[in-house]
């Protein structure tokens, strides 16, 4: 058989094969319908359903730029640690993202929270931390979260909280729209301790608070089992005239992880709503037997440390929706130590 005859025969066979199956052309599968994100309004604004689940997720956070001033300025970076600086001013930037997941269970809403934060003192000095992570259901919360001792007045003058307020904790809190009460067990490994000892603390804390009309209040207590000392604090706010009057007092039986600034302290502030966007808050605080350092290596007693007083003013201004500015200036005068003036300016964009 010649090459020409072979080629002609192959071509004819191929044509016949193609004609026989021309009606069975390959058809692409229909694309699956896209499940668009659905708004979840069961837990407030900002939540959406995670596709394919009945879990609602909210993503929020903020970007902060801050410049502080004061002798050998050090910036607090979220979990109580600081970024030291040898000059009298320092700038730092913070980025924080919070993920909140909620779903219904037979025990009530099940909540999971993760807060990621990065603080940058400069391009090469940055601290990325897990700022919070906890599970919350039926009033029980377990994980890494801020204690009631992190609460305070709205200004930036008061010093009535713990040195470190972020703990691995287990707590129960009963709450209604007008009242709450709770008890927590806190791991205080990063708390304060006396000279010659180490941090291996466990704490028991409680809080009772609520609101009644124009008045809100909170009473907080804590006992540091390692230092065998505790502290108790009361604070309240009431609407008066064009602003809100805030009062607080704290007493500590001895230096401990819940309060070690002083044996006792009292503070008053008045937050003036100058306009719907501008708030001005002058404040004054007095310390009895002022230690001040709020760090490890505390003395075993406050006796003989001398007193101190502090005055300051904080200005808050809303520049635009979700864009805020804050400035504060404070003066501290201790009996045993040099007086000092500190302050900062902050820009923050929330989302």
C-alpha atoms as a PDB file:
ATOM      1  CA  UNK A   1       0.000   0.000   0.000  1.00  0.00           C
ATOM      2  CA  UNK A   2       1.303   3.421  -0.940  1.00  0.00           C
ATOM      3  CA  UNK A   3       1.822   6.256   1.577  1.00  0.00           C
ATOM      4  CA  UNK A   4      -0.817   8.268  -0.244  1.00  0.00           C
ATOM      5  CA  UNK A   5      -3.435   5.514   0.129  1.00  0.00           C
ATOM      6  CA  UNK A   6      -2.600   5.153   3.848  1.00  0.00           C
ATOM      7  CA  UNK A   7      -3.052   8.862   4.521  1.00  0.00           C
ATOM      8  CA  UNK A   8      -6.370   8.983   2.644  1.00  0.00           C
ATOM      9  CA  UNK A   9      -7.678   5.970   4.576  1.00  0.00           C
ATOM     10  CA  UNK A  10      -6.701   7.445   7.950  1.00  0.00           C
ATOM     11  CA  UNK A  11      -8.371  10.736   7.129  1.00  0.00           C
ATOM     12  CA  UNK A  12     -11.622   9.007   6.147  1.00  0.00           C
ATOM     13  CA  UNK A  13     -11.641   6.933   9.363  1.00  0.00           C
ATOM     14  CA  UNK A  14     -11.062  10.013  11.509  1.00  0.00           C
ATOM     15  CA  UNK A  15     -13.872  11.889   9.767  1.00  0.00           C
ATOM     16  CA  UNK A  16     -16.274   8.999  10.332  1.00  0.00           C
ATOM     17  CA  UNK A  17     -15.326   8.788  14.038  1.00  0.00           C
ATOM     18  CA  UNK A  18     -15.810  12.537  14.524  1.00  0.00           C
ATOM     19  CA  UNK A  19     -19.223  12.489  12.826  1.00  0.00           C
ATOM     20  CA  UNK A  20     -20.406   9.611  14.981  1.00  0.00           C
ATOM     21  CA  UNK A  21     -19.784  11.542  18.236  1.00  0.00           C
ATOM     22  CA  UNK A  22     -20.474  15.093  17.115  1.00  0.00           C
ATOM     23  CA  UNK A  23     -23.712  15.166  19.133  1.00  0.00           C
ATOM     24  CA  UNK A  24     -21.890  14.287  22.383  1.00  0.00           C
ATOM     25  CA  UNK A  25     -19.781  17.441  22.774  1.00  0.00           C
ATOM     26  CA  UNK A  26     -18.265  18.100  26.238  1.00  0.00           C
ATOM     27  CA  UNK A  27     -20.404  20.475  28.335  1.00  0.00           C
ATOM     28  CA  UNK A  28     -18.840  22.396  31.260  1.00  0.00           C
ATOM     29  CA  UNK A  29     -20.474  21.910  34.657  1.00  0.00           C
ATOM     30  CA  UNK A  30     -22.687  24.698  35.918  1.00  0.00           C
ATOM     31  CA  UNK A  31     -20.870  26.861  38.483  1.00  0.00           C
ATOM     32  CA  UNK A  32     -22.189  26.582  42.029  1.00  0.00           C
ATOM     33  CA  UNK A  33     -24.092  29.538  43.334  1.00  0.00           C
ATOM     34  CA  UNK A  34     -21.975  31.895  45.434  1.00  0.00           C
ATOM     35  CA  UNK A  35     -23.139  32.269  49.038  1.00  0.00           C
ATOM     36  CA  UNK A  36     -22.873  35.965  49.736  1.00  0.00           C
ATOM     37  CA  UNK A  37     -22.067  37.189  53.243  1.00  0.00           C
ATOM     38  CA  UNK A  38     -25.228  37.707  55.273  1.00  0.00           C
ATOM     39  CA  UNK A  39     -25.615  40.352  57.941  1.00  0.00           C
ATOM     40  CA  UNK A  40     -26.106  38.990  61.465  1.00  0.00           C
ATOM     41  CA  UNK A  41     -28.089  41.444  63.583  1.00  0.00           C
ATOM     42  CA  UNK A  42     -28.708  39.149  66.569  1.00  0.00           C
ATOM     43  CA  UNK A  43     -25.712  40.504  68.548  1.00  0.00           C
ATOM     44  CA  UNK A  44     -25.573  44.135  67.474  1.00  0.00           C
ATOM     45  CA  UNK A  45     -24.015  45.994  64.568  1.00  0.00           C
ATOM     46  CA  UNK A  46     -20.974  44.831  62.630  1.00  0.00           C
ATOM     47  CA  UNK A  47     -21.589  41.064  62.731  1.00  0.00           C
ATOM     48  CA  UNK A  48     -21.926  38.804  59.696  1.00  0.00           C
ATOM     49  CA  UNK A  49     -22.443  35.070  59.273  1.00  0.00           C
ATOM     50  CA  UNK A  50     -19.333  33.057  58.465  1.00  0.00           C
ATOM     51  CA  UNK A  51     -20.372  31.421  55.138  1.00  0.00           C
ATOM     52  CA  UNK A  52     -21.685  27.919  55.604  1.00  0.00           C
ATOM     53  CA  UNK A  53     -22.154  28.274  59.365  1.00  0.00           C
ATOM     54  CA  UNK A  54     -24.510  29.799  61.907  1.00  0.00           C
ATOM     55  CA  UNK A  55     -21.615  31.564  63.669  1.00  0.00           C
ATOM     56  CA  UNK A  56     -21.546  35.362  63.584  1.00  0.00           C
ATOM     57  CA  UNK A  57     -18.225  37.185  63.307  1.00  0.00           C
ATOM     58  CA  UNK A  58     -17.262  40.802  63.939  1.00  0.00           C
ATOM     59  CA  UNK A  59     -13.936  42.377  62.953  1.00  0.00           C
ATOM     60  CA  UNK A  60     -12.950  45.697  64.506  1.00  0.00           C
ATOM     61  CA  UNK A  61      -9.901  47.477  65.855  1.00  0.00           C
ATOM     62  CA  UNK A  62      -7.932  50.692  65.678  1.00  0.00           C
ATOM     63  CA  UNK A  63      -4.726  52.372  64.539  1.00  0.00           C
ATOM     64  CA  UNK A  64      -3.044  54.667  67.065  1.00  0.00           C
ATOM     65  CA  UNK A  65      -0.206  57.164  66.792  1.00  0.00           C
ATOM     66  CA  UNK A  66       1.046  58.697  70.013  1.00  0.00           C
ATOM     67  CA  UNK A  67       3.799  61.092  71.074  1.00  0.00           C
ATOM     68  CA  UNK A  68       4.644  61.222  74.782  1.00  0.00           C
ATOM     69  CA  UNK A  69       6.777  63.630  76.805  1.00  0.00           C
ATOM     70  CA  UNK A  70       8.448  63.297  80.183  1.00  0.00           C
ATOM     71  CA  UNK A  71      11.856  62.535  81.754  1.00  0.00           C
ATOM     72  CA  UNK A  72      13.392  59.388  80.200  1.00  0.00           C
ATOM     73  CA  UNK A  73      10.074  58.698  78.530  1.00  0.00           C
ATOM     74  CA  UNK A  74       8.879  55.062  78.484  1.00  0.00           C
ATOM     75  CA  UNK A  75       5.824  53.870  76.604  1.00  0.00           C
ATOM     76  CA  UNK A  76       3.481  51.189  77.934  1.00  0.00           C
ATOM     77  CA  UNK A  77       2.862  48.591  75.227  1.00  0.00           C
ATOM     78  CA  UNK A  78      -0.385  46.866  76.033  1.00  0.00           C
ATOM     79  CA  UNK A  79       0.435  44.007  78.376  1.00  0.00           C
ATOM     80  CA  UNK A  80       2.225  46.096  80.991  1.00  0.00           C
ATOM     81  CA  UNK A  81       5.702  45.887  79.454  1.00  0.00           C
ATOM     82  CA  UNK A  82       7.371  49.131  78.413  1.00  0.00           C
ATOM     83  CA  UNK A  83       9.562  50.473  75.659  1.00  0.00           C
ATOM     84  CA  UNK A  84      12.308  52.521  77.341  1.00  0.00           C
ATOM     85  CA  UNK A  85      13.677  55.722  75.849  1.00  0.00           C
ATOM     86  CA  UNK A  86      16.571  57.905  77.021  1.00  0.00           C
ATOM     87  CA  UNK A  87      15.178  61.190  75.688  1.00  0.00           C
ATOM     88  CA  UNK A  88      12.357  63.340  77.061  1.00  0.00           C
ATOM     89  CA  UNK A  89       9.951  62.457  74.277  1.00  0.00           C
ATOM     90  CA  UNK A  90       9.023  59.349  72.345  1.00  0.00           C
ATOM     91  CA  UNK A  91       6.629  58.358  69.560  1.00  0.00           C
ATOM     92  CA  UNK A  92       5.072  54.967  68.993  1.00  0.00           C
ATOM     93  CA  UNK A  93       2.429  53.432  66.732  1.00  0.00           C
ATOM     94  CA  UNK A  94      -0.050  50.676  67.532  1.00  0.00           C
ATOM     95  CA  UNK A  95      -2.214  48.487  65.335  1.00  0.00           C
ATOM     96  CA  UNK A  96      -4.919  46.337  66.945  1.00  0.00           C
ATOM     97  CA  UNK A  97      -7.420  43.899  65.418  1.00  0.00           C
ATOM     98  CA  UNK A  98     -10.186  42.151  67.349  1.00  0.00           C
ATOM     99  CA  UNK A  99     -12.121  39.101  66.169  1.00  0.00           C
ATOM    100  CA  UNK A 100     -15.356  38.305  68.016  1.00  0.00           C
ATOM    101  CA  UNK A 101     -17.310  35.136  67.190  1.00  0.00           C
ATOM    102  CA  UNK A 102     -20.783  34.425  68.596  1.00  0.00           C
ATOM    103  CA  UNK A 103     -23.288  31.625  68.195  1.00  0.00           C
ATOM    104  CA  UNK A 104     -26.343  30.353  70.058  1.00  0.00           C
ATOM    105  CA  UNK A 105     -26.194  27.287  72.308  1.00  0.00           C
ATOM    106  CA  UNK A 106     -28.521  25.677  74.824  1.00  0.00           C
ATOM    107  CA  UNK A 107     -26.535  27.546  77.515  1.00  0.00           C
ATOM    108  CA  UNK A 108     -26.933  30.922  75.844  1.00  0.00           C
ATOM    109  CA  UNK A 109     -24.609  32.831  73.475  1.00  0.00           C
ATOM    110  CA  UNK A 110     -21.156  31.276  73.061  1.00  0.00           C
ATOM    111  CA  UNK A 111     -18.493  33.940  72.560  1.00  0.00           C
ATOM    112  CA  UNK A 112     -14.875  33.663  71.480  1.00  0.00           C
ATOM    113  CA  UNK A 113     -12.584  36.704  71.323  1.00  0.00           C
ATOM    114  CA  UNK A 114      -9.059  37.126  69.925  1.00  0.00           C
ATOM    115  CA  UNK A 115      -7.272  40.498  70.121  1.00  0.00           C
ATOM    116  CA  UNK A 116      -3.984  40.872  68.246  1.00  0.00           C
ATOM    117  CA  UNK A 117      -1.833  43.931  68.823  1.00  0.00           C
ATOM    118  CA  UNK A 118       1.499  45.193  67.522  1.00  0.00           C
ATOM    119  CA  UNK A 119       3.322  48.166  69.038  1.00  0.00           C
ATOM    120  CA  UNK A 120       6.161  49.820  67.152  1.00  0.00           C
ATOM    121  CA  UNK A 121       8.530  52.156  68.969  1.00  0.00           C
ATOM    122  CA  UNK A 122      10.401  52.361  65.674  1.00  0.00           C
ATOM    123  CA  UNK A 123      10.937  50.252  62.557  1.00  0.00           C
ATOM    124  CA  UNK A 124      13.297  47.804  64.283  1.00  0.00           C
ATOM    125  CA  UNK A 125      11.790  47.810  67.787  1.00  0.00           C
ATOM    126  CA  UNK A 126       8.345  46.213  67.646  1.00  0.00           C
ATOM    127  CA  UNK A 127       6.331  44.077  70.034  1.00  0.00           C
ATOM    128  CA  UNK A 128       3.564  41.807  68.733  1.00  0.00           C
ATOM    129  CA  UNK A 129       1.353  40.472  71.509  1.00  0.00           C
ATOM    130  CA  UNK A 130      -1.802  38.487  72.094  1.00  0.00           C
ATOM    131  CA  UNK A 131      -3.714  41.215  73.891  1.00  0.00           C
ATOM    132  CA  UNK A 132      -6.705  39.017  74.790  1.00  0.00           C
ATOM    133  CA  UNK A 133      -8.088  35.572  73.954  1.00  0.00           C
ATOM    134  CA  UNK A 134     -10.975  34.046  75.847  1.00  0.00           C
ATOM    135  CA  UNK A 135     -14.118  31.914  75.773  1.00  0.00           C
ATOM    136  CA  UNK A 136     -17.335  33.224  77.335  1.00  0.00           C
ATOM    137  CA  UNK A 137     -20.574  31.290  77.870  1.00  0.00           C
ATOM    138  CA  UNK A 138     -23.323  31.349  80.530  1.00  0.00           C
ATOM    139  CA  UNK A 139     -21.459  34.026  82.517  1.00  0.00           C
ATOM    140  CA  UNK A 140     -18.239  31.967  82.704  1.00  0.00           C
ATOM    141  CA  UNK A 141     -15.131  33.441  81.076  1.00  0.00           C
ATOM    142  CA  UNK A 142     -11.823  31.576  80.681  1.00  0.00           C
ATOM    143  CA  UNK A 143      -8.629  32.725  79.004  1.00  0.00           C
ATOM    144  CA  UNK A 144      -6.427  35.790  78.776  1.00  0.00           C
ATOM    145  CA  UNK A 145      -8.385  38.974  79.467  1.00  0.00           C
ATOM    146  CA  UNK A 146      -8.328  42.269  81.389  1.00  0.00           C
ATOM    147  CA  UNK A 147      -9.490  42.269  84.998  1.00  0.00           C
ATOM    148  CA  UNK A 148     -11.919  44.719  86.597  1.00  0.00           C
ATOM    149  CA  UNK A 149      -8.833  46.510  87.956  1.00  0.00           C
ATOM    150  CA  UNK A 150      -8.205  47.772  84.420  1.00  0.00           C
ATOM    151  CA  UNK A 151     -11.280  49.992  84.715  1.00  0.00           C
ATOM    152  CA  UNK A 152     -10.896  53.604  85.791  1.00  0.00           C
ATOM    153  CA  UNK A 153     -12.157  57.116  85.283  1.00  0.00           C
ATOM    154  CA  UNK A 154     -12.391  58.604  81.790  1.00  0.00           C
ATOM    155  CA  UNK A 155      -9.437  61.011  82.100  1.00  0.00           C
ATOM    156  CA  UNK A 156      -5.715  60.243  82.043  1.00  0.00           C
ATOM    157  CA  UNK A 157      -4.732  61.583  85.480  1.00  0.00           C
ATOM    158  CA  UNK A 158      -5.970  58.837  87.819  1.00  0.00           C
ATOM    159  CA  UNK A 159      -3.679  56.004  88.936  1.00  0.00           C
ATOM    160  CA  UNK A 160      -6.024  53.589  90.687  1.00  0.00           C
ATOM    161  CA  UNK A 161      -5.399  50.320  88.840  1.00  0.00           C
ATOM    162  CA  UNK A 162      -3.023  47.366  88.935  1.00  0.00           C
ATOM    163  CA  UNK A 163       0.482  47.447  87.537  1.00  0.00           C
ATOM    164  CA  UNK A 164      -0.577  44.656  85.152  1.00  0.00           C
ATOM    165  CA  UNK A 165      -4.262  44.011  84.521  1.00  0.00           C
ATOM    166  CA  UNK A 166      -4.061  41.333  81.790  1.00  0.00           C
ATOM    167  CA  UNK A 167      -4.145  37.833  83.295  1.00  0.00           C
ATOM    168  CA  UNK A 168      -4.939  34.221  82.532  1.00  0.00           C
ATOM    169  CA  UNK A 169      -8.128  33.996  84.557  1.00  0.00           C
ATOM    170  CA  UNK A 170     -11.276  32.046  85.240  1.00  0.00           C
ATOM    171  CA  UNK A 171     -14.273  34.081  86.322  1.00  0.00           C
ATOM    172  CA  UNK A 172     -18.011  34.069  86.674  1.00  0.00           C
ATOM    173  CA  UNK A 173     -20.065  37.244  86.212  1.00  0.00           C
ATOM    174  CA  UNK A 174     -23.793  37.628  86.670  1.00  0.00           C
ATOM    175  CA  UNK A 175     -25.208  40.624  84.873  1.00  0.00           C
ATOM    176  CA  UNK A 176     -28.390  42.405  83.912  1.00  0.00           C
ATOM    177  CA  UNK A 177     -28.726  45.670  81.975  1.00  0.00           C
ATOM    178  CA  UNK A 178     -28.531  47.588  85.300  1.00  0.00           C
ATOM    179  CA  UNK A 179     -26.297  45.433  87.551  1.00  0.00           C
ATOM    180  CA  UNK A 180     -23.394  42.985  87.538  1.00  0.00           C
ATOM    181  CA  UNK A 181     -21.419  41.012  90.112  1.00  0.00           C
ATOM    182  CA  UNK A 182     -18.559  38.587  89.624  1.00  0.00           C
ATOM    183  CA  UNK A 183     -15.710  36.576  91.101  1.00  0.00           C
ATOM    184  CA  UNK A 184     -12.424  35.629  89.416  1.00  0.00           C
ATOM    185  CA  UNK A 185      -9.296  33.574  90.030  1.00  0.00           C
ATOM    186  CA  UNK A 186      -6.269  35.280  88.441  1.00  0.00           C
ATOM    187  CA  UNK A 187      -2.814  33.958  87.628  1.00  0.00           C
ATOM    188  CA  UNK A 188      -0.457  36.764  88.709  1.00  0.00           C
ATOM    189  CA  UNK A 189       2.853  35.498  87.334  1.00  0.00           C
ATOM    190  CA  UNK A 190       3.690  38.988  86.070  1.00  0.00           C
ATOM    191  CA  UNK A 191       2.549  40.714  89.264  1.00  0.00           C
ATOM    192  CA  UNK A 192       4.656  42.547  91.820  1.00  0.00           C
ATOM    193  CA  UNK A 193       6.650  40.742  94.504  1.00  0.00           C
ATOM    194  CA  UNK A 194       8.935  41.607  97.385  1.00  0.00           C
ATOM    195  CA  UNK A 195      12.737  41.742  97.263  1.00  0.00           C
ATOM    196  CA  UNK A 196      14.264  38.255  97.400  1.00  0.00           C
ATOM    197  CA  UNK A 197      11.108  36.516  96.197  1.00  0.00           C
ATOM    198  CA  UNK A 198       9.778  35.557  92.772  1.00  0.00           C
ATOM    199  CA  UNK A 199       6.468  36.040  90.994  1.00  0.00           C
ATOM    200  CA  UNK A 200       4.331  32.965  91.515  1.00  0.00           C
ATOM    201  CA  UNK A 201       1.123  34.675  92.517  1.00  0.00           C
ATOM    202  CA  UNK A 202      -2.507  33.635  92.469  1.00  0.00           C
ATOM    203  CA  UNK A 203      -5.174  36.221  93.134  1.00  0.00           C
ATOM    204  CA  UNK A 204      -8.858  36.241  94.003  1.00  0.00           C
ATOM    205  CA  UNK A 205     -10.841  39.271  92.821  1.00  0.00           C
ATOM    206  CA  UNK A 206     -14.445  40.418  92.879  1.00  0.00           C
ATOM    207  CA  UNK A 207     -16.488  43.254  91.405  1.00  0.00           C
ATOM    208  CA  UNK A 208     -19.953  44.687  91.929  1.00  0.00           C
ATOM    209  CA  UNK A 209     -21.238  47.461  89.703  1.00  0.00           C
ATOM    210  CA  UNK A 210     -24.101  48.929  87.771  1.00  0.00           C
ATOM    211  CA  UNK A 211     -26.012  52.069  86.971  1.00  0.00           C
ATOM    212  CA  UNK A 212     -29.095  53.841  88.242  1.00  0.00           C
ATOM    213  CA  UNK A 213     -30.324  56.770  86.165  1.00  0.00           C
ATOM    214  CA  UNK A 214     -27.550  59.375  85.941  1.00  0.00           C
ATOM    215  CA  UNK A 215     -25.293  57.454  88.374  1.00  0.00           C
ATOM    216  CA  UNK A 216     -22.911  54.535  87.690  1.00  0.00           C
ATOM    217  CA  UNK A 217     -20.663  52.757  90.177  1.00  0.00           C
ATOM    218  CA  UNK A 218     -18.198  49.918  90.704  1.00  0.00           C
ATOM    219  CA  UNK A 219     -16.614  48.319  93.782  1.00  0.00           C
ATOM    220  CA  UNK A 220     -13.595  46.111  93.097  1.00  0.00           C
ATOM    221  CA  UNK A 221     -11.459  44.046  95.446  1.00  0.00           C
ATOM    222  CA  UNK A 222      -8.548  41.662  95.130  1.00  0.00           C
ATOM    223  CA  UNK A 223      -6.345  39.511  97.387  1.00  0.00           C
ATOM    224  CA  UNK A 224      -2.806  38.540  96.329  1.00  0.00           C
ATOM    225  CA  UNK A 225      -2.135  35.171  97.990  1.00  0.00           C
ATOM    226  CA  UNK A 226       1.644  35.294  97.463  1.00  0.00           C
ATOM    227  CA  UNK A 227       2.094  38.713  99.062  1.00  0.00           C
ATOM    228  CA  UNK A 228      -0.708  38.025 101.584  1.00  0.00           C
ATOM    229  CA  UNK A 229      -2.124  41.500 100.981  1.00  0.00           C
ATOM    230  CA  UNK A 230      -5.087  42.890  99.129  1.00  0.00           C
ATOM    231  CA  UNK A 231      -6.759  46.053  97.918  1.00  0.00           C
ATOM    232  CA  UNK A 232     -10.251  47.453  97.541  1.00  0.00           C
ATOM    233  CA  UNK A 233     -11.478  50.274  95.316  1.00  0.00           C
ATOM    234  CA  UNK A 234     -14.697  52.183  94.752  1.00  0.00           C
ATOM    235  CA  UNK A 235     -15.466  54.526  91.866  1.00  0.00           C
ATOM    236  CA  UNK A 236     -18.550  56.322  90.646  1.00  0.00           C
ATOM    237  CA  UNK A 237     -19.749  58.773  88.010  1.00  0.00           C
ATOM    238  CA  UNK A 238     -22.760  61.084  88.089  1.00  0.00           C
ATOM    239  CA  UNK A 239     -24.078  63.571  85.540  1.00  0.00           C
ATOM    240  CA  UNK A 240     -23.825  67.094  86.949  1.00  0.00           C
ATOM    241  CA  UNK A 241     -24.540  70.179  84.855  1.00  0.00           C
ATOM    242  CA  UNK A 242     -22.688  70.203  81.520  1.00  0.00           C
ATOM    243  CA  UNK A 243     -20.517  67.211  82.381  1.00  0.00           C
ATOM    244  CA  UNK A 244     -19.869  64.139  84.527  1.00  0.00           C
ATOM    245  CA  UNK A 245     -18.319  64.145  87.994  1.00  0.00           C
ATOM    246  CA  UNK A 246     -16.080  61.149  88.694  1.00  0.00           C
ATOM    247  CA  UNK A 247     -14.858  60.114  92.154  1.00  0.00           C
ATOM    248  CA  UNK A 248     -12.687  57.164  93.200  1.00  0.00           C
ATOM    249  CA  UNK A 249     -10.788  55.883  96.235  1.00  0.00           C
ATOM    250  CA  UNK A 250      -8.514  52.885  96.749  1.00  0.00           C
ATOM    251  CA  UNK A 251      -6.900  51.273  99.821  1.00  0.00           C
ATOM    252  CA  UNK A 252      -4.168  48.621  99.906  1.00  0.00           C
ATOM    253  CA  UNK A 253      -3.197  46.661 103.026  1.00  0.00           C
ATOM    254  CA  UNK A 254       0.321  46.310 101.636  1.00  0.00           C
ATOM    255  CA  UNK A 255       2.096  46.287  98.261  1.00  0.00           C
ATOM    256  CA  UNK A 256       0.448  43.618  96.104  1.00  0.00           C
ATOM    257  CA  UNK A 257      -0.366  42.818  92.487  1.00  0.00           C
ATOM    258  CA  UNK A 258      -3.768  44.512  92.614  1.00  0.00           C
ATOM    259  CA  UNK A 259      -2.511  47.872  93.898  1.00  0.00           C
ATOM    260  CA  UNK A 260       1.008  48.928  94.848  1.00  0.00           C
ATOM    261  CA  UNK A 261       1.189  52.640  93.961  1.00  0.00           C
ATOM    262  CA  UNK A 262       0.345  53.786  97.487  1.00  0.00           C
ATOM    263  CA  UNK A 263      -1.313  52.700 100.708  1.00  0.00           C
ATOM    264  CA  UNK A 264      -4.362  54.723  99.754  1.00  0.00           C
ATOM    265  CA  UNK A 265      -5.412  57.275  97.155  1.00  0.00           C
ATOM    266  CA  UNK A 266      -8.387  59.452  96.298  1.00  0.00           C
ATOM    267  CA  UNK A 267      -9.137  61.124  92.969  1.00  0.00           C
ATOM    268  CA  UNK A 268     -11.743  63.507  91.581  1.00  0.00           C
ATOM    269  CA  UNK A 269     -12.364  64.647  88.021  1.00  0.00           C
ATOM    270  CA  UNK A 270     -14.993  66.570  86.107  1.00  0.00           C
ATOM    271  CA  UNK A 271     -15.475  65.676  82.432  1.00  0.00           C
ATOM    272  CA  UNK A 272     -16.950  68.769  80.769  1.00  0.00           C
ATOM    273  CA  UNK A 273     -18.879  68.213  77.540  1.00  0.00           C
ATOM    274  CA  UNK A 274     -17.883  71.537  75.971  1.00  0.00           C
ATOM    275  CA  UNK A 275     -19.500  70.562  72.652  1.00  0.00           C
ATOM    276  CA  UNK A 276     -20.829  67.348  71.149  1.00  0.00           C
ATOM    277  CA  UNK A 277     -17.271  66.638  69.927  1.00  0.00           C
ATOM    278  CA  UNK A 278     -15.051  68.261  72.592  1.00  0.00           C
ATOM    279  CA  UNK A 279     -14.579  67.022  76.166  1.00  0.00           C
ATOM    280  CA  UNK A 280     -12.249  68.652  78.738  1.00  0.00           C
ATOM    281  CA  UNK A 281     -11.425  66.735  81.930  1.00  0.00           C
ATOM    282  CA  UNK A 282      -9.465  68.372  84.774  1.00  0.00           C
ATOM    283  CA  UNK A 283      -8.553  66.044  87.656  1.00  0.00           C
ATOM    284  CA  UNK A 284      -6.688  65.883  90.967  1.00  0.00           C
ATOM    285  CA  UNK A 285      -5.403  62.892  92.965  1.00  0.00           C
ATOM    286  CA  UNK A 286      -3.805  62.519  96.404  1.00  0.00           C
ATOM    287  CA  UNK A 287      -1.688  59.525  97.487  1.00  0.00           C
ATOM    288  CA  UNK A 288      -1.025  58.455 101.072  1.00  0.00           C
ATOM    289  CA  UNK A 289       2.324  56.671 101.643  1.00  0.00           C
ATOM    290  CA  UNK A 290       3.231  56.856  97.973  1.00  0.00           C
ATOM    291  CA  UNK A 291       5.533  54.136  96.581  1.00  0.00           C
ATOM    292  CA  UNK A 292       4.860  54.927  92.945  1.00  0.00           C
ATOM    293  CA  UNK A 293       6.982  52.395  91.112  1.00  0.00           C
ATOM    294  CA  UNK A 294       4.243  49.761  90.644  1.00  0.00           C
ATOM    295  CA  UNK A 295       6.825  47.090  89.788  1.00  0.00           C
ATOM    296  CA  UNK A 296       8.643  44.040  91.126  1.00  0.00           C
ATOM    297  CA  UNK A 297      10.829  44.407  94.191  1.00  0.00           C
ATOM    298  CA  UNK A 298       8.209  46.213  96.295  1.00  0.00           C
ATOM    299  CA  UNK A 299       8.760  46.830 100.026  1.00  0.00           C
ATOM    300  CA  UNK A 300       6.811  44.762 102.546  1.00  0.00           C
ATOM    301  CA  UNK A 301       5.034  47.872 103.904  1.00  0.00           C
ATOM    302  CA  UNK A 302       4.029  51.373 102.824  1.00  0.00           C
ATOM    303  CA  UNK A 303       4.960  52.951 106.170  1.00  0.00           C
ATOM    304  CA  UNK A 304       7.199  56.015 106.006  1.00  0.00           C
ATOM    305  CA  UNK A 305       7.115  56.470 102.241  1.00  0.00           C
ATOM    306  CA  UNK A 306       5.624  59.973 102.282  1.00  0.00           C
ATOM    307  CA  UNK A 307       2.625  61.333 100.414  1.00  0.00           C
ATOM    308  CA  UNK A 308       2.153  62.718  96.897  1.00  0.00           C
ATOM    309  CA  UNK A 309      -0.354  64.720  94.882  1.00  0.00           C
ATOM    310  CA  UNK A 310      -1.088  64.963  91.211  1.00  0.00           C
ATOM    311  CA  UNK A 311      -3.072  67.319  88.960  1.00  0.00           C
ATOM    312  CA  UNK A 312      -3.804  67.111  85.278  1.00  0.00           C
ATOM    313  CA  UNK A 313      -6.111  67.846  82.398  1.00  0.00           C
ATOM    314  CA  UNK A 314      -7.195  65.713  79.447  1.00  0.00           C
ATOM    315  CA  UNK A 315      -8.760  66.968  76.221  1.00  0.00           C
ATOM    316  CA  UNK A 316     -10.673  64.631  73.881  1.00  0.00           C
ATOM    317  CA  UNK A 317     -11.838  65.745  70.442  1.00  0.00           C
ATOM    318  CA  UNK A 318     -13.703  63.831  67.742  1.00  0.00           C
ATOM    319  CA  UNK A 319     -12.253  65.052  64.443  1.00  0.00           C
ATOM    320  CA  UNK A 320     -14.576  62.974  62.261  1.00  0.00           C
ATOM    321  CA  UNK A 321     -16.512  59.725  62.438  1.00  0.00           C
ATOM    322  CA  UNK A 322     -14.130  57.118  63.912  1.00  0.00           C
ATOM    323  CA  UNK A 323     -11.220  59.590  64.110  1.00  0.00           C
ATOM    324  CA  UNK A 324     -10.255  60.898  67.549  1.00  0.00           C
ATOM    325  CA  UNK A 325      -7.584  63.069  69.126  1.00  0.00           C
ATOM    326  CA  UNK A 326      -6.545  63.054  72.785  1.00  0.00           C
ATOM    327  CA  UNK A 327      -4.036  65.203  74.675  1.00  0.00           C
ATOM    328  CA  UNK A 328      -3.144  65.129  78.365  1.00  0.00           C
ATOM    329  CA  UNK A 329      -0.784  66.989  80.692  1.00  0.00           C
ATOM    330  CA  UNK A 330      -0.091  65.880  84.286  1.00  0.00           C
ATOM    331  CA  UNK A 331       2.046  67.160  87.165  1.00  0.00           C
ATOM    332  CA  UNK A 332       3.131  64.863  90.038  1.00  0.00           C
ATOM    333  CA  UNK A 333       4.752  66.094  93.275  1.00  0.00           C
ATOM    334  CA  UNK A 334       5.864  63.371  95.730  1.00  0.00           C
ATOM    335  CA  UNK A 335       7.243  64.111  99.203  1.00  0.00           C
ATOM    336  CA  UNK A 336      10.149  61.725  98.606  1.00  0.00           C
ATOM    337  CA  UNK A 337      11.303  62.367  95.072  1.00  0.00           C
ATOM    338  CA  UNK A 338      11.435  64.972  92.334  1.00  0.00           C
ATOM    339  CA  UNK A 339       8.320  66.517  90.889  1.00  0.00           C
ATOM    340  CA  UNK A 340       7.665  65.561  87.278  1.00  0.00           C
ATOM    341  CA  UNK A 341       5.518  66.756  84.366  1.00  0.00           C
ATOM    342  CA  UNK A 342       4.361  64.249  81.750  1.00  0.00           C
ATOM    343  CA  UNK A 343       1.890  64.147  78.888  1.00  0.00           C
ATOM    344  CA  UNK A 344       1.052  62.779  75.479  1.00  0.00           C
ATOM    345  CA  UNK A 345      -0.789  63.524  72.251  1.00  0.00           C
ATOM    346  CA  UNK A 346      -2.697  60.757  70.482  1.00  0.00           C
ATOM    347  CA  UNK A 347      -4.439  60.232  67.149  1.00  0.00           C
ATOM    348  CA  UNK A 348      -6.636  57.155  66.793  1.00  0.00           C
ATOM    349  CA  UNK A 349      -8.670  55.794  63.894  1.00  0.00           C
ATOM    350  CA  UNK A 350     -11.186  53.153  64.949  1.00  0.00           C
ATOM    351  CA  UNK A 351     -12.986  50.692  62.656  1.00  0.00           C
END
